[in-house]
Amino acid sequence: TCALNHHDVWSLRGVGLPADRLPMVLGCDGAGVDPDGNEVLVHAV
């Protein structure tokens, strides 16, 4: 799973994400499985 934040909309508006880094996969929230099979949260900083 992953989740949406206002940060993602601001990125599409051109705030905080330089245009020369496009294309850029959006998103700061995520949870899933690591290579060892552990269920994890992803820290975005």
PDB file of all heavy atoms in Angstrom:
ATOM      1  N   THR A   1       0.851  -1.192   0.000  1.00  0.00           N
ATOM      2  CA  THR A   1       0.000   0.000   0.000  1.00  0.00           C
ATOM      3  C   THR A   1       0.884   1.238   0.000  1.00  0.00           C
ATOM      4  O   THR A   1       2.044   1.205   0.420  1.00  0.00           O
ATOM      5  CB  THR A   1      -0.901   0.050   1.259  1.00  0.00           C
ATOM      6  OG1 THR A   1      -0.094  -0.155   2.424  1.00  0.00           O
ATOM      7  CG2 THR A   1      -2.004  -0.979   1.198  1.00  0.00           C
ATOM      8  N   CYS A   2       0.323   2.325  -0.478  1.00  0.00           N
ATOM      9  CA  CYS A   2       0.973   3.629  -0.443  1.00  0.00           C
ATOM     10  C   CYS A   2      -0.139   4.664  -0.280  1.00  0.00           C
ATOM     11  O   CYS A   2      -1.309   4.346  -0.440  1.00  0.00           O
ATOM     12  CB  CYS A   2       1.802   3.885  -1.695  1.00  0.00           C
ATOM     13  SG  CYS A   2       1.003   3.435  -3.266  1.00  0.00           S
ATOM     14  N   ALA A   3       0.225   5.880   0.082  1.00  0.00           N
ATOM     15  CA  ALA A   3      -0.810   6.861   0.393  1.00  0.00           C
ATOM     16  C   ALA A   3      -0.436   8.230  -0.162  1.00  0.00           C
ATOM     17  O   ALA A   3       0.732   8.535  -0.395  1.00  0.00           O
ATOM     18  CB  ALA A   3      -1.061   6.937   1.894  1.00  0.00           C
ATOM     19  N   LEU A   4      -1.459   9.044  -0.326  1.00  0.00           N
ATOM     20  CA  LEU A   4      -1.337  10.352  -0.969  1.00  0.00           C
ATOM     21  C   LEU A   4      -1.176  11.445   0.076  1.00  0.00           C
ATOM     22  O   LEU A   4      -1.751  11.384   1.163  1.00  0.00           O
ATOM     23  CB  LEU A   4      -2.593  10.606  -1.806  1.00  0.00           C
ATOM     24  CG  LEU A   4      -2.644  11.859  -2.688  1.00  0.00           C
ATOM     25  CD1 LEU A   4      -1.540  11.838  -3.736  1.00  0.00           C
ATOM     26  CD2 LEU A   4      -4.013  11.935  -3.365  1.00  0.00           C
ATOM     27  N   ASN A   5      -0.378  12.458  -0.259  1.00  0.00           N
ATOM     28  CA  ASN A   5      -0.189  13.631   0.586  1.00  0.00           C
ATOM     29  C   ASN A   5      -0.307  14.899  -0.250  1.00  0.00           C
ATOM     30  O   ASN A   5      -0.110  14.880  -1.466  1.00  0.00           O
ATOM     31  CB  ASN A   5       1.191  13.601   1.247  1.00  0.00           C
ATOM     32  CG  ASN A   5       1.313  12.534   2.305  1.00  0.00           C
ATOM     33  OD1 ASN A   5       0.811  12.678   3.405  1.00  0.00           O
ATOM     34  ND2 ASN A   5       1.977  11.438   1.966  1.00  0.00           N
ATOM     35  N   HIS A   6      -0.587  16.022   0.423  1.00  0.00           N
ATOM     36  CA  HIS A   6      -0.587  17.305  -0.283  1.00  0.00           C
ATOM     37  C   HIS A   6       0.766  17.579  -0.920  1.00  0.00           C
ATOM     38  O   HIS A   6       0.853  18.274  -1.940  1.00  0.00           O
ATOM     39  CB  HIS A   6      -0.970  18.438   0.673  1.00  0.00           C
ATOM     40  CG  HIS A   6      -2.445  18.549   0.914  1.00  0.00           C
ATOM     41  ND1 HIS A   6      -3.315  19.049  -0.037  1.00  0.00           N
ATOM     42  CD2 HIS A   6      -3.207  18.220   1.974  1.00  0.00           C
ATOM     43  CE1 HIS A   6      -4.546  19.027   0.434  1.00  0.00           C
ATOM     44  NE2 HIS A   6      -4.510  18.522   1.655  1.00  0.00           N
ATOM     45  N   HIS A   7       1.824  17.032  -0.346  1.00  0.00           N
ATOM     46  CA  HIS A   7       3.162  17.180  -0.919  1.00  0.00           C
ATOM     47  C   HIS A   7       3.185  16.730  -2.373  1.00  0.00           C
ATOM     48  O   HIS A   7       3.863  17.337  -3.218  1.00  0.00           O
ATOM     49  CB  HIS A   7       4.158  16.367  -0.082  1.00  0.00           C
ATOM     50  CG  HIS A   7       5.571  16.450  -0.549  1.00  0.00           C
ATOM     51  ND1 HIS A   7       6.096  15.613  -1.512  1.00  0.00           N
ATOM     52  CD2 HIS A   7       6.582  17.284  -0.198  1.00  0.00           C
ATOM     53  CE1 HIS A   7       7.351  15.909  -1.727  1.00  0.00           C
ATOM     54  NE2 HIS A   7       7.682  16.922  -0.937  1.00  0.00           N
ATOM     55  N   ASP A   8       2.431  15.669  -2.691  1.00  0.00           N
ATOM     56  CA  ASP A   8       2.415  15.154  -4.059  1.00  0.00           C
ATOM     57  C   ASP A   8       1.739  16.126  -5.010  1.00  0.00           C
ATOM     58  O   ASP A   8       2.181  16.302  -6.158  1.00  0.00           O
ATOM     59  CB  ASP A   8       1.705  13.798  -4.088  1.00  0.00           C
ATOM     60  CG  ASP A   8       2.344  12.803  -3.132  1.00  0.00           C
ATOM     61  OD1 ASP A   8       3.573  12.672  -3.171  1.00  0.00           O
ATOM     62  OD2 ASP A   8       1.611  12.188  -2.339  1.00  0.00           O
ATOM     63  N   VAL A   9       0.681  16.777  -4.545  1.00  0.00           N
ATOM     64  CA  VAL A   9       0.011  17.776  -5.376  1.00  0.00           C
ATOM     65  C   VAL A   9       0.901  19.003  -5.555  1.00  0.00           C
ATOM     66  O   VAL A   9       0.991  19.565  -6.656  1.00  0.00           O
ATOM     67  CB  VAL A   9      -1.348  18.163  -4.762  1.00  0.00           C
ATOM     68  CG1 VAL A   9      -1.998  19.293  -5.560  1.00  0.00           C
ATOM     69  CG2 VAL A   9      -2.277  16.957  -4.730  1.00  0.00           C
ATOM     70  N   TRP A  10       1.585  19.421  -4.479  1.00  0.00           N
ATOM     71  CA  TRP A  10       2.505  20.562  -4.608  1.00  0.00           C
ATOM     72  C   TRP A  10       3.614  20.251  -5.608  1.00  0.00           C
ATOM     73  O   TRP A  10       4.038  21.134  -6.368  1.00  0.00           O
ATOM     74  CB  TRP A  10       3.098  20.918  -3.240  1.00  0.00           C
ATOM     75  CG  TRP A  10       2.146  21.634  -2.338  1.00  0.00           C
ATOM     76  CD1 TRP A  10       1.615  21.179  -1.162  1.00  0.00           C
ATOM     77  CD2 TRP A  10       1.585  22.952  -2.524  1.00  0.00           C
ATOM     78  NE1 TRP A  10       0.760  22.114  -0.629  1.00  0.00           N
ATOM     79  CE2 TRP A  10       0.733  23.203  -1.429  1.00  0.00           C
ATOM     80  CE3 TRP A  10       1.729  23.924  -3.514  1.00  0.00           C
ATOM     81  CZ2 TRP A  10       0.023  24.396  -1.291  1.00  0.00           C
ATOM     82  CZ3 TRP A  10       1.022  25.111  -3.378  1.00  0.00           C
ATOM     83  CH2 TRP A  10       0.185  25.338  -2.283  1.00  0.00           C
ATOM     84  N   SER A  11       4.088  19.013  -5.629  1.00  0.00           N
ATOM     85  CA  SER A  11       5.118  18.639  -6.604  1.00  0.00           C
ATOM     86  C   SER A  11       4.607  18.820  -8.023  1.00  0.00           C
ATOM     87  O   SER A  11       5.323  19.311  -8.911  1.00  0.00           O
ATOM     88  CB  SER A  11       5.550  17.187  -6.373  1.00  0.00           C
ATOM     89  OG  SER A  11       6.196  17.039  -5.122  1.00  0.00           O
ATOM     90  N   LEU A  12       3.351  18.439  -8.252  1.00  0.00           N
ATOM     91  CA  LEU A  12       2.756  18.623  -9.585  1.00  0.00           C
ATOM     92  C   LEU A  12       2.523  20.089  -9.909  1.00  0.00           C
ATOM     93  O   LEU A  12       2.462  20.476 -11.077  1.00  0.00           O
ATOM     94  CB  LEU A  12       1.429  17.857  -9.669  1.00  0.00           C
ATOM     95  CG  LEU A  12       1.538  16.332  -9.699  1.00  0.00           C
ATOM     96  CD1 LEU A  12       0.172  15.694  -9.497  1.00  0.00           C
ATOM     97  CD2 LEU A  12       2.152  15.870 -11.020  1.00  0.00           C
ATOM     98  N   ARG A  13       2.412  20.922  -8.878  1.00  0.00           N
ATOM     99  CA  ARG A  13       2.268  22.363  -9.091  1.00  0.00           C
ATOM    100  C   ARG A  13       3.613  23.056  -9.323  1.00  0.00           C
ATOM    101  O   ARG A  13       3.664  24.242  -9.610  1.00  0.00           O
ATOM    102  CB  ARG A  13       1.554  23.009  -7.904  1.00  0.00           C
ATOM    103  CG  ARG A  13       0.100  22.596  -7.723  1.00  0.00           C
ATOM    104  CD  ARG A  13      -0.582  23.430  -6.644  1.00  0.00           C
ATOM    105  NE  ARG A  13      -1.916  22.973  -6.318  1.00  0.00           N
ATOM    106  CZ  ARG A  13      -3.017  23.297  -6.999  1.00  0.00           C
ATOM    107  NH1 ARG A  13      -2.917  24.082  -8.070  1.00  0.00           N
ATOM    108  NH2 ARG A  13      -4.208  22.836  -6.634  1.00  0.00           N
ATOM    109  N   GLY A  14       4.705  22.328  -9.109  1.00  0.00           N
ATOM    110  CA  GLY A  14       6.023  22.907  -9.323  1.00  0.00           C
ATOM    111  C   GLY A  14       6.683  23.442  -8.081  1.00  0.00           C
ATOM    112  O   GLY A  14       7.666  24.190  -8.160  1.00  0.00           O
ATOM    113  N   VAL A  15       6.178  23.057  -6.898  1.00  0.00           N
ATOM    114  CA  VAL A  15       6.730  23.527  -5.626  1.00  0.00           C
ATOM    115  C   VAL A  15       7.558  22.414  -4.994  1.00  0.00           C
ATOM    116  O   VAL A  15       7.051  21.328  -4.713  1.00  0.00           O
ATOM    117  CB  VAL A  15       5.609  23.956  -4.659  1.00  0.00           C
ATOM    118  CG1 VAL A  15       6.199  24.399  -3.317  1.00  0.00           C
ATOM    119  CG2 VAL A  15       4.772  25.063  -5.267  1.00  0.00           C
ATOM    120  N   GLY A  16       8.852  22.671  -4.770  1.00  0.00           N
ATOM    121  CA  GLY A  16       9.715  21.727  -4.080  1.00  0.00           C
ATOM    122  C   GLY A  16      10.339  20.655  -4.945  1.00  0.00           C
ATOM    123  O   GLY A  16      11.229  19.939  -4.486  1.00  0.00           O
ATOM    124  N   LEU A  17       9.887  20.517  -6.171  1.00  0.00           N
ATOM    125  CA  LEU A  17      10.436  19.511  -7.086  1.00  0.00           C
ATOM    126  C   LEU A  17      10.932  20.217  -8.344  1.00  0.00           C
ATOM    127  O   LEU A  17      10.119  20.659  -9.169  1.00  0.00           O
ATOM    128  CB  LEU A  17       9.368  18.470  -7.442  1.00  0.00           C
ATOM    129  CG  LEU A  17       9.765  17.420  -8.493  1.00  0.00           C
ATOM    130  CD1 LEU A  17      10.939  16.584  -8.003  1.00  0.00           C
ATOM    131  CD2 LEU A  17       8.572  16.519  -8.823  1.00  0.00           C
ATOM    132  N   PRO A  18      12.257  20.352  -8.522  1.00  0.00           N
ATOM    133  CA  PRO A  18      12.780  21.024  -9.721  1.00  0.00           C
ATOM    134  C   PRO A  18      12.365  20.295 -10.994  1.00  0.00           C
ATOM    135  O   PRO A  18      12.345  19.062 -11.049  1.00  0.00           O
ATOM    136  CB  PRO A  18      14.294  20.979  -9.522  1.00  0.00           C
ATOM    137  CG  PRO A  18      14.487  20.812  -8.042  1.00  0.00           C
ATOM    138  CD  PRO A  18      13.326  19.968  -7.588  1.00  0.00           C
ATOM    139  N   ALA A  19      12.044  21.061 -12.019  1.00  0.00           N
ATOM    140  CA  ALA A  19      11.569  20.476 -13.268  1.00  0.00           C
ATOM    141  C   ALA A  19      12.619  19.589 -13.928  1.00  0.00           C
ATOM    142  O   ALA A  19      12.274  18.651 -14.658  1.00  0.00           O
ATOM    143  CB  ALA A  19      11.142  21.591 -14.229  1.00  0.00           C
ATOM    144  N   ASP A  20      13.909  19.852 -13.660  1.00  0.00           N
ATOM    145  CA  ASP A  20      14.942  19.055 -14.302  1.00  0.00           C
ATOM    146  C   ASP A  20      15.059  17.643 -13.711  1.00  0.00           C
ATOM    147  O   ASP A  20      15.843  16.834 -14.206  1.00  0.00           O
ATOM    148  CB  ASP A  20      16.295  19.769 -14.270  1.00  0.00           C
ATOM    149  CG  ASP A  20      16.797  20.047 -12.852  1.00  0.00           C
ATOM    150  OD1 ASP A  20      16.157  19.590 -11.885  1.00  0.00           O
ATOM    151  OD2 ASP A  20      17.834  20.734 -12.733  1.00  0.00           O
ATOM    152  N   ARG A  21      14.282  17.343 -12.655  1.00  0.00           N
ATOM    153  CA  ARG A  21      14.291  15.993 -12.085  1.00  0.00           C
ATOM    154  C   ARG A  21      13.141  15.137 -12.604  1.00  0.00           C
ATOM    155  O   ARG A  21      12.994  13.982 -12.206  1.00  0.00           O
ATOM    156  CB  ARG A  21      14.229  16.067 -10.551  1.00  0.00           C
ATOM    157  CG  ARG A  21      15.466  16.705  -9.942  1.00  0.00           C
ATOM    158  CD  ARG A  21      15.375  16.742  -8.426  1.00  0.00           C
ATOM    159  NE  ARG A  21      16.502  17.492  -7.855  1.00  0.00           N
ATOM    160  CZ  ARG A  21      16.593  17.878  -6.595  1.00  0.00           C
ATOM    161  NH1 ARG A  21      15.593  17.589  -5.750  1.00  0.00           N
ATOM    162  NH2 ARG A  21      17.635  18.548  -6.164  1.00  0.00           N
ATOM    163  N   LEU A  22      12.313  15.702 -13.469  1.00  0.00           N
ATOM    164  CA  LEU A  22      11.204  14.934 -14.039  1.00  0.00           C
ATOM    165  C   LEU A  22      11.717  13.987 -15.114  1.00  0.00           C
ATOM    166  O   LEU A  22      12.701  14.288 -15.791  1.00  0.00           O
ATOM    167  CB  LEU A  22      10.164  15.900 -14.631  1.00  0.00           C
ATOM    168  CG  LEU A  22       9.547  16.906 -13.653  1.00  0.00           C
ATOM    169  CD1 LEU A  22       8.558  17.792 -14.381  1.00  0.00           C
ATOM    170  CD2 LEU A  22       8.890  16.216 -12.473  1.00  0.00           C
ATOM    171  N   PRO A  23      11.061  12.855 -15.325  1.00  0.00           N
ATOM    172  CA  PRO A  23       9.897  12.353 -14.585  1.00  0.00           C
ATOM    173  C   PRO A  23      10.300  11.852 -13.198  1.00  0.00           C
ATOM    174  O   PRO A  23      11.396  11.325 -13.005  1.00  0.00           O
ATOM    175  CB  PRO A  23       9.389  11.211 -15.458  1.00  0.00           C
ATOM    176  CG  PRO A  23      10.612  10.728 -16.174  1.00  0.00           C
ATOM    177  CD  PRO A  23      11.459  11.945 -16.414  1.00  0.00           C
ATOM    178  N   MET A  24       9.395  12.007 -12.238  1.00  0.00           N
ATOM    179  CA  MET A  24       9.649  11.605 -10.854  1.00  0.00           C
ATOM    180  C   MET A  24       8.446  10.836 -10.307  1.00  0.00           C
ATOM    181  O   MET A  24       7.308  11.332 -10.385  1.00  0.00           O
ATOM    182  CB  MET A  24       9.881  12.831  -9.979  1.00  0.00           C
ATOM    183  CG  MET A  24      10.059  12.534  -8.487  1.00  0.00           C
ATOM    184  SD  MET A  24      11.560  11.586  -8.107  1.00  0.00           S
ATOM    185  CE  MET A  24      12.802  12.891  -8.313  1.00  0.00           C
ATOM    186  N   VAL A  25       8.704   9.645  -9.798  1.00  0.00           N
ATOM    187  CA  VAL A  25       7.648   8.902  -9.123  1.00  0.00           C
ATOM    188  C   VAL A  25       7.304   9.634  -7.829  1.00  0.00           C
ATOM    189  O   VAL A  25       8.183   9.960  -7.027  1.00  0.00           O
ATOM    190  CB  VAL A  25       8.078   7.460  -8.814  1.00  0.00           C
ATOM    191  CG1 VAL A  25       6.978   6.719  -8.038  1.00  0.00           C
ATOM    192  CG2 VAL A  25       8.407   6.708 -10.103  1.00  0.00           C
ATOM    193  N   LEU A  26       6.020   9.915  -7.625  1.00  0.00           N
ATOM    194  CA  LEU A  26       5.570  10.674  -6.472  1.00  0.00           C
ATOM    195  C   LEU A  26       5.389   9.756  -5.260  1.00  0.00           C
ATOM    196  O   LEU A  26       5.487   8.546  -5.367  1.00  0.00           O
ATOM    197  CB  LEU A  26       4.271  11.394  -6.812  1.00  0.00           C
ATOM    198  CG  LEU A  26       4.362  12.382  -7.983  1.00  0.00           C
ATOM    199  CD1 LEU A  26       2.981  12.845  -8.410  1.00  0.00           C
ATOM    200  CD2 LEU A  26       5.248  13.574  -7.611  1.00  0.00           C
ATOM    201  N   GLY A  27       5.122  10.368  -4.097  1.00  0.00           N
ATOM    202  CA  GLY A  27       4.762   9.592  -2.918  1.00  0.00           C
ATOM    203  C   GLY A  27       5.817   9.547  -1.827  1.00  0.00           C
ATOM    204  O   GLY A  27       7.008   9.367  -2.098  1.00  0.00           O
ATOM    205  N   CYS A  28       5.349   9.720  -0.580  1.00  0.00           N
ATOM    206  CA  CYS A  28       6.203   9.622   0.611  1.00  0.00           C
ATOM    207  C   CYS A  28       5.749   8.518   1.562  1.00  0.00           C
ATOM    208  O   CYS A  28       6.509   8.153   2.465  1.00  0.00           O
ATOM    209  CB  CYS A  28       6.212  10.947   1.375  1.00  0.00           C
ATOM    210  SG  CYS A  28       6.730  12.382   0.432  1.00  0.00           S
ATOM    211  N   ASP A  29       4.535   8.034   1.416  1.00  0.00           N
ATOM    212  CA  ASP A  29       3.976   7.025   2.315  1.00  0.00           C
ATOM    213  C   ASP A  29       3.996   5.653   1.660  1.00  0.00           C
ATOM    214  O   ASP A  29       3.527   5.509   0.525  1.00  0.00           O
ATOM    215  CB  ASP A  29       2.511   7.351   2.651  1.00  0.00           C
ATOM    216  CG  ASP A  29       2.375   8.477   3.650  1.00  0.00           C
ATOM    217  OD1 ASP A  29       3.270   8.650   4.485  1.00  0.00           O
ATOM    218  OD2 ASP A  29       1.356   9.182   3.596  1.00  0.00           O
ATOM    219  N   GLY A  30       4.486   4.646   2.392  1.00  0.00           N
ATOM    220  CA  GLY A  30       4.441   3.307   1.839  1.00  0.00           C
ATOM    221  C   GLY A  30       4.663   2.243   2.890  1.00  0.00           C
ATOM    222  O   GLY A  30       5.326   2.466   3.902  1.00  0.00           O
ATOM    223  N   ALA A  31       4.097   1.064   2.647  1.00  0.00           N
ATOM    224  CA  ALA A  31       4.299  -0.098   3.500  1.00  0.00           C
ATOM    225  C   ALA A  31       4.364  -1.328   2.604  1.00  0.00           C
ATOM    226  O   ALA A  31       3.619  -1.432   1.623  1.00  0.00           O
ATOM    227  CB  ALA A  31       3.168  -0.236   4.521  1.00  0.00           C
ATOM    228  N   GLY A  32       5.261  -2.235   2.954  1.00  0.00           N
ATOM    229  CA  GLY A  32       5.414  -3.405   2.097  1.00  0.00           C
ATOM    230  C   GLY A  32       6.325  -4.443   2.704  1.00  0.00           C
ATOM    231  O   GLY A  32       6.446  -4.545   3.925  1.00  0.00           O
ATOM    232  N   VAL A  33       6.998  -5.219   1.840  1.00  0.00           N
ATOM    233  CA  VAL A  33       7.828  -6.343   2.262  1.00  0.00           C
ATOM    234  C   VAL A  33       9.244  -6.128   1.761  1.00  0.00           C
ATOM    235  O   VAL A  33       9.457  -5.836   0.571  1.00  0.00           O
ATOM    236  CB  VAL A  33       7.255  -7.663   1.717  1.00  0.00           C
ATOM    237  CG1 VAL A  33       8.128  -8.840   2.126  1.00  0.00           C
ATOM    238  CG2 VAL A  33       5.819  -7.862   2.203  1.00  0.00           C
ATOM    239  N   ASP A  34      10.233  -6.265   2.676  1.00  0.00           N
ATOM    240  CA  ASP A  34      11.631  -6.059   2.278  1.00  0.00           C
ATOM    241  C   ASP A  34      12.187  -7.342   1.658  1.00  0.00           C
ATOM    242  O   ASP A  34      11.508  -8.384   1.624  1.00  0.00           O
ATOM    243  CB  ASP A  34      12.460  -5.559   3.467  1.00  0.00           C
ATOM    244  CG  ASP A  34      12.743  -6.628   4.517  1.00  0.00           C
ATOM    245  OD1 ASP A  34      12.421  -7.818   4.294  1.00  0.00           O
ATOM    246  OD2 ASP A  34      13.297  -6.280   5.572  1.00  0.00           O
ATOM    247  N   PRO A  35      13.439  -7.315   1.146  1.00  0.00           N
ATOM    248  CA  PRO A  35      13.979  -8.504   0.469  1.00  0.00           C
ATOM    249  C   PRO A  35      14.092  -9.737   1.349  1.00  0.00           C
ATOM    250  O   PRO A  35      14.183 -10.859   0.837  1.00  0.00           O
ATOM    251  CB  PRO A  35      15.364  -8.030   0.016  1.00  0.00           C
ATOM    252  CG  PRO A  35      15.254  -6.549  -0.108  1.00  0.00           C
ATOM    253  CD  PRO A  35      14.325  -6.146   0.987  1.00  0.00           C
ATOM    254  N   ASP A  36      14.073  -9.552   2.686  1.00  0.00           N
ATOM    255  CA  ASP A  36      14.150 -10.695   3.601  1.00  0.00           C
ATOM    256  C   ASP A  36      12.781 -11.213   4.020  1.00  0.00           C
ATOM    257  O   ASP A  36      12.680 -12.101   4.879  1.00  0.00           O
ATOM    258  CB  ASP A  36      14.945 -10.298   4.852  1.00  0.00           C
ATOM    259  CG  ASP A  36      16.375  -9.893   4.522  1.00  0.00           C
ATOM    260  OD1 ASP A  36      16.989 -10.548   3.654  1.00  0.00           O
ATOM    261  OD2 ASP A  36      16.865  -8.913   5.117  1.00  0.00           O
ATOM    262  N   GLY A  37      11.720 -10.630   3.449  1.00  0.00           N
ATOM    263  CA  GLY A  37      10.375 -11.081   3.765  1.00  0.00           C
ATOM    264  C   GLY A  37       9.749 -10.402   4.966  1.00  0.00           C
ATOM    265  O   GLY A  37       8.664 -10.800   5.396  1.00  0.00           O
ATOM    266  N   ASN A  38      10.398  -9.370   5.508  1.00  0.00           N
ATOM    267  CA  ASN A  38       9.856  -8.650   6.662  1.00  0.00           C
ATOM    268  C   ASN A  38       8.831  -7.610   6.230  1.00  0.00           C
ATOM    269  O   ASN A  38       9.035  -6.915   5.226  1.00  0.00           O
ATOM    270  CB  ASN A  38      10.982  -7.938   7.419  1.00  0.00           C
ATOM    271  CG  ASN A  38      12.047  -8.889   7.900  1.00  0.00           C
ATOM    272  OD1 ASN A  38      11.758  -9.862   8.570  1.00  0.00           O
ATOM    273  ND2 ASN A  38      13.296  -8.619   7.533  1.00  0.00           N
ATOM    274  N   GLU A  39       7.744  -7.496   6.990  1.00  0.00           N
ATOM    275  CA  GLU A  39       6.750  -6.462   6.733  1.00  0.00           C
ATOM    276  C   GLU A  39       7.237  -5.153   7.352  1.00  0.00           C
ATOM    277  O   GLU A  39       7.581  -5.111   8.543  1.00  0.00           O
ATOM    278  CB  GLU A  39       5.396  -6.863   7.318  1.00  0.00           C
ATOM    279  CG  GLU A  39       4.822  -8.110   6.653  1.00  0.00           C
ATOM    280  CD  GLU A  39       3.432  -8.468   7.159  1.00  0.00           C
ATOM    281  OE1 GLU A  39       2.979  -7.871   8.159  1.00  0.00           O
ATOM    282  OE2 GLU A  39       2.802  -9.358   6.539  1.00  0.00           O
ATOM    283  N   VAL A  40       7.283  -4.090   6.553  1.00  0.00           N
ATOM    284  CA  VAL A  40       7.926  -2.852   6.989  1.00  0.00           C
ATOM    285  C   VAL A  40       7.123  -1.621   6.594  1.00  0.00           C
ATOM    286  O   VAL A  40       6.332  -1.635   5.646  1.00  0.00           O
ATOM    287  CB  VAL A  40       9.349  -2.727   6.392  1.00  0.00           C
ATOM    288  CG1 VAL A  40      10.257  -3.826   6.910  1.00  0.00           C
ATOM    289  CG2 VAL A  40       9.301  -2.729   4.862  1.00  0.00           C
ATOM    290  N   LEU A  41       7.359  -0.536   7.357  1.00  0.00           N
ATOM    291  CA  LEU A  41       6.976   0.806   6.967  1.00  0.00           C
ATOM    292  C   LEU A  41       8.190   1.473   6.360  1.00  0.00           C
ATOM    293  O   LEU A  41       9.323   1.220   6.771  1.00  0.00           O
ATOM    294  CB  LEU A  41       6.525   1.626   8.184  1.00  0.00           C
ATOM    295  CG  LEU A  41       5.443   1.057   9.092  1.00  0.00           C
ATOM    296  CD1 LEU A  41       5.203   1.988  10.271  1.00  0.00           C
ATOM    297  CD2 LEU A  41       4.166   0.856   8.314  1.00  0.00           C
ATOM    298  N   VAL A  42       7.965   2.360   5.395  1.00  0.00           N
ATOM    299  CA  VAL A  42       9.051   3.088   4.754  1.00  0.00           C
ATOM    300  C   VAL A  42       9.123   4.493   5.335  1.00  0.00           C
ATOM    301  O   VAL A  42       8.158   5.264   5.257  1.00  0.00           O
ATOM    302  CB  VAL A  42       8.844   3.157   3.225  1.00  0.00           C
ATOM    303  CG1 VAL A  42       9.912   4.042   2.582  1.00  0.00           C
ATOM    304  CG2 VAL A  42       8.886   1.755   2.628  1.00  0.00           C
ATOM    305  N   HIS A  43      10.266   4.815   5.936  1.00  0.00           N
ATOM    306  CA  HIS A  43      10.508   6.174   6.442  1.00  0.00           C
ATOM    307  C   HIS A  43      11.018   7.014   5.271  1.00  0.00           C
ATOM    308  O   HIS A  43      12.003   6.660   4.611  1.00  0.00           O
ATOM    309  CB  HIS A  43      11.530   6.134   7.564  1.00  0.00           C
ATOM    310  CG  HIS A  43      11.895   7.462   8.131  1.00  0.00           C
ATOM    311  ND1 HIS A  43      10.963   8.442   8.411  1.00  0.00           N
ATOM    312  CD2 HIS A  43      13.107   7.996   8.467  1.00  0.00           C
ATOM    313  CE1 HIS A  43      11.576   9.505   8.906  1.00  0.00           C
ATOM    314  NE2 HIS A  43      12.868   9.262   8.942  1.00  0.00           N
ATOM    315  N   ALA A  44      10.355   8.155   5.023  1.00  0.00           N
ATOM    316  CA  ALA A  44      10.581   8.896   3.782  1.00  0.00           C
ATOM    317  C   ALA A  44      11.686   9.940   3.850  1.00  0.00           C
ATOM    318  O   ALA A  44      12.058  10.499   2.815  1.00  0.00           O
ATOM    319  CB  ALA A  44       9.282   9.575   3.350  1.00  0.00           C
ATOM    320  N   VAL A  45      12.216  10.259   5.038  1.00  0.00           N
ATOM    321  CA  VAL A  45      13.256  11.283   5.152  1.00  0.00           C
ATOM    322  C   VAL A  45      14.609  10.631   4.879  1.00  0.00           C
ATOM    323  O   VAL A  45      15.036   9.741   5.613  1.00  0.00           O
ATOM    324  CB  VAL A  45      13.249  11.938   6.543  1.00  0.00           C
ATOM    325  CG1 VAL A  45      14.298  13.044   6.607  1.00  0.00           C
ATOM    326  CG2 VAL A  45      11.872  12.492   6.871  1.00  0.00           C
TER     327      VAL A  45
END
